[in-house]
Protein backbone atom coordinates (compact mmCIF):
# COMPACT_ATOMS: atom_id res chain seq x y z
CA UNK A 1 93.12 86.36 97.57
CA UNK A 2 93.74 86.31 100.96
CA UNK A 3 96.85 87.14 102.19
CA UNK A 4 98.50 84.46 104.88
CA UNK A 5 98.74 84.54 108.74
CA UNK A 6 101.89 83.44 110.05
CA UNK A 7 100.41 81.18 112.19
CA UNK A 8 98.30 79.86 109.44
CA UNK A 9 97.97 76.29 108.93
CA UNK A 10 95.27 74.94 106.93
CA UNK A 11 95.15 71.59 106.81
CA UNK A 12 92.57 68.69 105.27
CA UNK A 13 92.65 64.96 105.25
CA UNK A 14 92.06 62.78 102.22
CA UNK A 15 91.19 59.34 101.65
CA UNK A 16 93.59 58.41 99.21
CA UNK A 17 96.38 58.83 97.44
CA UNK A 18 95.33 60.07 93.85
CA UNK A 19 92.84 62.51 95.89
CA UNK A 20 95.00 63.70 97.71
CA UNK A 21 97.35 64.04 94.46
CA UNK A 22 94.07 65.67 92.48
CA UNK A 23 93.92 68.79 94.70
CA UNK A 24 97.64 69.47 95.15
CA UNK A 25 98.02 69.70 91.81
CA UNK A 26 94.66 71.60 91.44
CA UNK A 27 95.96 74.00 94.13
CA UNK A 28 99.51 74.72 91.32
CA UNK A 29 102.04 72.63 93.35
CA UNK A 30 104.37 71.19 90.66
CA UNK A 31 104.28 67.44 89.72
CA UNK A 32 107.80 67.08 91.11
CA UNK A 33 107.36 68.54 94.55
CA UNK A 34 103.87 66.79 94.96
CA UNK A 35 105.61 63.03 93.43
CA UNK A 36 108.56 63.81 96.42
CA UNK A 37 106.02 64.43 99.11
CA UNK A 38 103.92 61.92 98.57
CA UNK A 39 107.02 59.23 98.76
CA UNK A 40 107.27 60.69 102.23
CA UNK A 41 104.17 58.96 103.38
CA UNK A 42 105.02 55.81 103.50
CA UNK A 43 107.88 57.07 106.08
CA UNK A 44 105.28 59.52 108.51
CA UNK A 45 102.92 58.09 111.49
CA UNK A 46 99.56 58.70 111.39
CA UNK A 47 99.56 61.76 113.30
CA UNK A 48 102.13 63.95 111.03
CA UNK A 49 101.14 66.07 108.40
CA UNK A 50 103.04 66.32 105.04
CA UNK A 51 104.07 70.57 104.92
CA UNK A 52 104.65 71.94 101.94
CA UNK A 53 106.61 75.41 100.73
CA UNK A 54 104.03 78.65 102.05
CA UNK A 55 102.49 79.66 98.48
CA UNK A 56 99.41 81.96 98.21
CA UNK A 57 96.25 79.54 96.71
CA UNK A 58 93.10 81.95 96.58
CA UNK A 59 91.03 81.80 100.00
CA UNK A 60 87.87 80.31 97.81
CA UNK A 61 90.08 78.07 95.94
CA UNK A 62 90.98 76.59 99.70
CA UNK A 63 87.03 76.66 100.71
CA UNK A 64 85.84 74.91 97.45
CA UNK A 65 88.44 71.84 97.86
CA UNK A 66 87.27 71.46 101.90
CA UNK A 67 89.70 73.47 103.73
CA UNK A 68 88.28 75.04 106.57
CA UNK A 69 90.14 79.16 106.84
């Protein structure tokens, strides 16, 4: 497991909300958090990112889901 860095901000784009939901749930983010954050997508601009609270995710899991670290 990698220790998060203070300035780390891994990000990834997904072509659909369904795919994003699947990945977020596989990373251990709760269904409630995923639902509330994805509702914000309609209100966000094209270049804005959804931000989730810091959490520990194994580095191999991030890499396997397409995140570049």
